[in-house]
């Protein structure tokens, strides 16, 4: 190859390389701008700065051999900042064939936000949740229990004879119930208990569409877009619900991961209905709310 040909070859290579580098630079800048417009998150996710997307301020203690039968999962706030405080109660029904151990990470997250959580193996009847509540009330009055005077129960609380919803109560218990799949079905079954302030139903519509008949207080329905097992039943329950209700279908979420993906909404709902943080209502009911945009395909009625 002659000298002029060599020089031309090198110049052509240099020009091609320059074009290549400019193209790479354009792609890099476009990528940076795209992620900046997402707030450094892919579209469809939610605000990472909203507090319920991460652990709460409290350390937690768990006991997977607790409760009335010794098979419950108990999760509660401990450590600095919990002294002298009382905490609301959340009753949780596990999905069919699962145990509290399978939900431990999620239940600890809820407890870290200032709730005492007890998780039960689900029967579908919800009776185990009522038994767990009665056990917790006993623990609140037991000076040897780590939960002694730690639960948000009025000092004058007294359950009159005749059963939970049948006999009535004096005083109040700040408590909610919820569950995943079969645990949601069990939650419908006990939703008429006068002590419950709200219920949360995750990927678990009632089998016959009559579950909402038991509801007495606001309810939240969380379903998965990719859940062919439960979401159609949840939609039917929503249509049949006459109390204030919020429903979301989470994009890209299936049956098994519905609790994990829905956890930020579960915690925020508990803060609203048990923690008195009424400002969170807009996050569920208003356009542009944390749980009405992005991955949350939501609707509500009866408010």
Foldseek 3Di string as FASTA:
>chain_A
DDPVVVVVVVVVVVVVVVVVVVVVVVVVVVVVVVCVVVVVDDFQAFDPPPPQVFAAQFQKDWDCQDAPRRRKIKIAGDDPPQPPAAAAEEEEEEAAPDGVVVCVVLVNRLRRNGYIYIYGHFPLQLVRSVRRVVRLVVLCCDPPHPCPVRHPWDPQWDFAPDDQQGRDIDGAGLYAYEYAASRNSNCLNCQLRPRHAEYEYWLHAHPPLCSLVNHDHEYEYEAEPAEPPRPVRSVSVQVVHQHKYKYWYFYPDYRPCRCVSCSSVVSLVCCVRRVVPVVLVCLGAPPPHRQVDRRTVMDIDRD
